[in-house]
Protein backbone atom coordinates (compact mmCIF):
# COMPACT_ATOMS: atom_id res chain seq x y z
CA MET A 1 -1.85 -10.24 0.73
CA SER A 2 -5.02 -10.76 2.20
CA LEU A 3 -5.36 -8.38 5.48
CA SER A 4 -8.74 -6.52 6.35
CA THR A 5 -6.88 -3.32 7.44
CA VAL A 6 -4.68 -2.92 4.49
CA GLN A 7 -5.79 -0.82 1.47
CA VAL A 8 -3.82 -2.18 -1.54
CA ILE A 9 -3.21 0.15 -4.65
CA SER A 10 -2.29 -1.45 -7.76
CA GLU A 11 0.11 0.18 -10.18
CA PRO A 12 -1.18 3.85 -9.94
CA PHE A 13 1.83 5.15 -11.76
CA LYS A 14 0.80 3.35 -14.88
CA PHE A 15 -1.82 6.11 -15.62
CA ALA A 16 0.92 8.55 -15.76
CA TYR A 17 3.51 6.65 -17.61
CA PHE A 18 0.85 5.49 -20.17
CA PHE A 19 -1.70 7.87 -20.40
CA GLY A 20 -0.99 11.23 -18.80
CA PRO A 21 0.51 14.33 -20.10
CA GLU A 22 4.14 13.23 -18.92
CA ARG A 23 3.66 9.96 -20.36
CA GLN A 24 6.73 7.78 -21.42
CA SER A 25 5.60 4.89 -23.29
CA ARG A 26 4.56 5.01 -26.59
CA ARG A 27 2.32 1.61 -26.24
CA TYR A 28 -0.86 3.46 -26.20
CA GLU A 29 -0.17 6.63 -27.68
CA ALA A 30 -3.42 5.89 -29.92
CA LYS A 31 -5.32 6.92 -26.89
CA ALA A 32 -5.93 10.64 -26.00
CA ILE A 33 -3.56 11.91 -23.31
CA ASP A 34 -5.64 12.45 -19.92
CA ARG A 35 -4.08 15.34 -18.22
CA THR A 36 -5.42 14.34 -14.89
CA MET A 37 -3.27 11.53 -14.93
CA ASN A 38 -0.12 13.22 -13.79
CA TYR A 39 2.61 12.18 -11.33
CA LYS A 40 2.07 14.80 -8.84
CA SER A 41 -1.64 14.07 -8.75
CA ILE A 42 -1.48 10.40 -8.61
CA ALA A 43 1.01 10.61 -5.52
CA LYS A 44 -1.33 13.25 -3.71
CA SER A 45 -4.23 10.45 -4.42
CA ILE A 46 -2.02 7.85 -2.56
CA LEU A 47 -1.42 10.09 0.16
CA ASN A 48 -5.18 10.92 0.75
CA ARG A 49 -6.00 7.30 0.93
CA GLY A 50 -7.11 6.04 4.79
CA THR A 51 -7.42 9.39 5.90
CA ALA A 52 -11.14 9.33 6.12
CA GLY A 53 -11.30 7.96 9.82
CA ASP A 54 -11.85 3.89 8.43
CA ALA A 55 -10.19 1.10 9.75
CA THR A 56 -7.16 0.90 7.45
CA ASP A 57 -3.71 0.70 9.18
CA VAL A 58 -1.65 0.06 6.23
CA ILE A 59 -1.82 1.51 2.44
CA PHE A 60 -0.02 -1.00 0.23
CA VAL A 61 1.23 0.47 -2.86
CA LYS A 62 2.31 -2.17 -5.67
CA ASP A 63 3.94 -0.52 -8.52
CA MET A 64 6.44 -0.91 -11.26
CA ALA A 65 9.98 0.86 -10.84
CA PHE A 66 10.28 1.59 -14.87
CA TYR A 67 7.16 3.96 -14.20
CA LEU A 68 9.30 6.41 -12.23
CA LYS A 69 12.00 6.09 -14.71
CA GLY A 70 13.77 9.68 -14.08
CA ARG A 71 11.82 10.73 -11.21
CA LEU A 72 13.09 9.01 -8.08
CA GLU A 73 12.94 12.29 -6.41
CA MET A 74 9.18 11.58 -5.56
CA LEU A 75 10.08 8.77 -3.49
CA GLU A 76 11.77 11.16 -1.15
CA GLU A 77 9.48 14.14 -1.99
CA TRP A 78 6.36 12.29 -1.32
CA PHE A 79 6.92 9.03 0.33
CA HIS A 80 9.69 9.69 2.71
CA ASP A 81 7.66 8.03 5.31
CA ALA A 82 6.85 4.85 3.58
CA LYS A 83 8.69 1.44 4.09
CA HIS A 84 9.96 0.58 0.73
CA SER A 85 10.17 -3.42 -0.52
CA PHE A 86 11.30 -5.27 -3.49
CA LEU A 87 9.94 -8.31 -4.79
CA ILE A 88 12.23 -9.64 -7.52
CA ARG A 89 12.11 -12.80 -10.01
CA ASP A 90 14.59 -14.62 -11.93
CA PRO A 91 14.75 -12.96 -15.43
CA ASN A 92 14.74 -16.25 -17.35
CA LYS A 93 11.11 -16.48 -15.59
CA ALA A 94 9.99 -13.02 -15.32
CA ILE A 95 11.01 -11.97 -19.17
CA ILE A 96 9.62 -14.95 -20.65
CA SER A 97 6.26 -14.66 -18.84
CA LEU A 98 6.41 -11.08 -20.11
CA PHE A 99 6.86 -12.14 -23.60
CA ARG A 100 4.22 -14.82 -23.25
CA VAL A 101 1.71 -12.04 -22.41
CA SER A 102 2.21 -10.28 -25.46
CA GLN A 103 1.35 -13.39 -27.12
CA ASN A 104 -2.04 -13.76 -25.39
CA PRO A 105 -4.85 -12.74 -27.65
CA GLU A 106 -7.12 -11.30 -24.64
CA ILE A 107 -4.19 -9.10 -23.78
CA GLN A 108 -3.36 -7.99 -27.12
CA ALA A 109 -6.63 -6.72 -27.77
CA SER A 110 -6.15 -4.09 -25.21
CA GLY A 111 -3.23 -2.56 -26.95
CA TRP A 112 -0.60 -4.70 -25.07
CA ASP A 113 0.51 -6.61 -28.70
CA TYR A 114 4.13 -6.41 -28.61
CA PHE A 115 7.05 -7.33 -26.30
CA ASP A 116 8.96 -4.36 -25.32
CA PRO A 117 12.22 -4.98 -23.46
CA ASP A 118 12.44 -1.62 -21.60
CA GLU A 119 9.46 -3.21 -19.57
CA ALA A 120 11.50 -5.88 -17.90
CA GLY A 121 12.58 -2.89 -15.60
CA TYR A 122 15.73 -4.59 -13.78
CA GLN A 123 17.61 -1.88 -14.33
CA GLU A 124 15.12 0.75 -12.98
CA LEU A 125 14.37 -1.69 -10.06
CA HIS A 126 17.97 -1.74 -9.03
CA GLU A 127 18.23 2.20 -9.44
CA MET A 128 15.41 2.59 -7.34
CA TYR A 129 16.60 0.40 -4.61
CA GLU A 130 19.86 2.15 -4.46
CA TYR A 131 17.94 5.70 -4.36
CA VAL A 132 15.99 4.46 -1.88
CA LYS A 133 18.92 2.59 0.52
CA THR A 134 20.98 6.07 0.00
CA ASN A 135 18.33 8.49 0.76
CA ILE A 136 15.14 7.24 2.71
CA ASP A 137 15.75 3.93 4.48
CA ALA A 138 19.20 2.14 4.78
CA ASP A 139 17.39 -1.12 4.94
CA PRO A 140 14.82 -1.55 2.53
CA VAL A 141 13.29 -5.54 2.19
CA VAL A 142 14.41 -7.32 -0.92
CA VAL A 143 12.24 -10.95 -1.52
CA ASP A 144 12.60 -13.08 -4.11
CA ALA A 145 9.82 -14.60 -5.58
CA ASP A 146 10.81 -18.16 -5.37
CA ASP A 147 11.76 -18.02 -1.99
CA LEU A 148 8.18 -17.00 -1.42
CA LEU A 149 6.91 -19.50 -3.59
CA SER A 150 8.88 -22.21 -1.75
CA SER A 151 8.19 -21.28 1.87
CA PRO A 152 5.27 -18.62 1.75
CA LYS A 153 4.35 -18.49 5.55
CA LYS A 154 7.85 -18.24 6.31
CA MET A 155 8.91 -15.66 3.77
CA MET A 156 5.56 -13.63 4.75
CA LYS A 157 6.25 -13.64 8.29
CA ALA A 158 9.82 -12.50 7.65
CA TYR A 159 8.26 -9.80 5.09
CA CYS A 160 6.06 -8.60 7.65
CA GLN A 161 8.82 -8.34 10.20
CA GLY A 162 10.96 -6.24 7.90
CA VAL A 163 8.07 -3.60 6.75
CA GLY A 164 6.55 -3.44 10.04
CA ILE A 165 2.93 -5.29 9.44
CA GLN A 166 1.55 -7.57 11.62
CA TYR A 167 1.58 -11.19 10.42
CA GLU A 168 -1.71 -13.24 10.31
CA ASP A 169 -1.89 -17.01 9.23
CA HIS A 170 -4.35 -16.13 6.23
CA MET A 171 -2.25 -13.77 4.67
CA THR A 172 -0.82 -16.35 2.15
CA SER A 173 -4.51 -17.89 0.98
CA TRP A 174 -7.58 -16.36 -0.34
CA LYS A 175 -10.72 -17.44 -1.68
CA ALA A 176 -10.21 -18.73 -5.70
CA GLY A 177 -12.33 -16.98 -8.20
CA GLU A 178 -12.45 -13.81 -6.51
CA VAL A 179 -11.05 -10.56 -8.37
CA PRO A 180 -9.86 -8.03 -6.00
CA ALA A 181 -11.18 -4.36 -7.05
CA PRO A 182 -7.45 -3.04 -7.20
CA TRP A 183 -6.37 -4.95 -9.99
CA ILE A 184 -9.35 -4.26 -12.39
CA TRP A 185 -8.55 -1.07 -14.19
CA ASP A 186 -9.28 -2.50 -17.54
CA GLU A 187 -11.02 -5.70 -18.12
CA ALA A 188 -8.04 -7.24 -20.55
CA CYS A 189 -6.04 -6.59 -16.98
CA VAL A 190 -7.93 -9.53 -15.21
CA SER A 191 -5.95 -11.73 -17.99
CA TRP A 192 -2.73 -10.72 -16.33
CA TYR A 193 -3.60 -12.20 -12.91
CA SER A 194 -5.77 -15.32 -14.37
CA ASN A 195 -3.57 -17.73 -12.65
CA ALA A 196 -3.74 -15.68 -9.20
CA VAL A 197 -7.28 -15.67 -9.30
CA ASN A 198 -7.96 -19.05 -9.92
CA SER A 199 -5.78 -20.12 -7.41
CA SER A 200 -6.16 -20.44 -3.59
CA GLY A 201 -2.30 -19.24 -2.27
CA PHE A 202 1.05 -19.77 -3.75
CA ILE A 203 2.12 -22.51 -5.93
CA LYS A 204 5.87 -23.54 -6.30
CA GLU A 205 6.58 -23.49 -9.88
CA ASP A 206 8.16 -26.82 -11.22
CA ARG A 207 9.06 -25.71 -14.60
CA ASN A 208 12.83 -25.60 -14.84
CA GLU A 209 14.53 -22.67 -16.03
CA ASN A 210 15.81 -22.86 -19.92
CA SER A 211 19.39 -23.33 -20.76
CA SER A 212 21.01 -20.43 -22.81
CA ASN A 213 21.03 -22.64 -25.68
CA GLU A 214 17.24 -23.40 -25.34
CA LEU A 215 16.56 -19.85 -24.85
CA TRP A 216 17.97 -18.71 -28.34
CA VAL A 217 16.44 -21.52 -30.03
CA THR A 218 12.72 -21.09 -28.32
CA TYR A 219 12.33 -17.40 -28.07
CA PRO A 220 13.21 -14.12 -30.43
CA ASP A 221 16.57 -12.60 -30.09
CA ASP A 222 15.20 -9.71 -28.11
CA VAL A 223 14.07 -11.71 -25.44
CA VAL A 224 17.11 -13.50 -24.85
CA LYS A 225 18.73 -10.15 -24.99
CA ALA A 226 16.45 -8.73 -22.28
CA ILE A 227 17.23 -11.64 -20.15
CA GLU A 228 21.29 -11.41 -20.55
CA ASP A 229 20.96 -7.28 -20.37
CA ASN A 230 18.86 -7.60 -16.95
CA ARG A 231 20.55 -10.55 -15.07
CA PRO A 232 23.39 -8.26 -13.48
CA PHE A 233 20.49 -6.04 -11.94
CA TYR A 234 18.69 -8.70 -10.77
CA GLU A 235 21.76 -10.64 -9.15
CA LYS A 236 22.70 -7.29 -7.16
CA LEU A 237 19.22 -7.44 -5.86
CA TYR A 238 19.30 -11.14 -5.26
CA SER A 239 22.47 -10.55 -2.85
CA ALA A 240 20.16 -7.82 -0.90
CA ARG A 241 17.55 -10.57 -0.70
CA VAL A 242 15.45 -11.76 2.77
CA ARG A 243 17.20 -15.09 3.82
CA LEU A 244 15.44 -17.04 5.64
CA GLU A 245 17.19 -18.90 8.90
CA ASN A 246 17.52 -22.68 8.50
């Protein structure tokens, strides 16, 4: 989203999940615990953004639901006034992409050197959606990635209407080669976004989904099992997605 009055924060709760005193992952356990990176302090830092009299109209936080596993009450305590939205992607594509990232030497060097099925996160995403719907917002916005790639402007307009942000035509394009500041928390992280950085807008995927037989032949068992285990949660969220009018 390229909008001058929006301040973007990318995955702030990863610091608590991976590095803080309450960390829930063993991925970076060799690194020392940073006691300043606790869930409460990160929530407060988000709420303190945009309060210095600048031109920010919207604070947009992109994060992973599994970072808040077992802590969904934080949404009601700290972010009850926020408009929550959910971006979903077919697990055939998303989980295979996650596996491929773990095979990328540039990313492996940062410590992300193995595939962890728990980081697929569809169950946690569905649980968060249900929590938000029950306790905070009866109509949270769900966008499917394929729909966004197929009709970027129409879907962005629908998204903006759903979350209460003013739509502008340039929101679906950007200057190729520029790395947005919120994406840089570790040099290796830029490799995660190399396709987006080198593009200038949304690009529809031409790659066909793999059949079940192809998956078993091509990918490790734990990758295929993760796809199968997470698909029911994806399907539930998919049924609640924003649908464009014909």
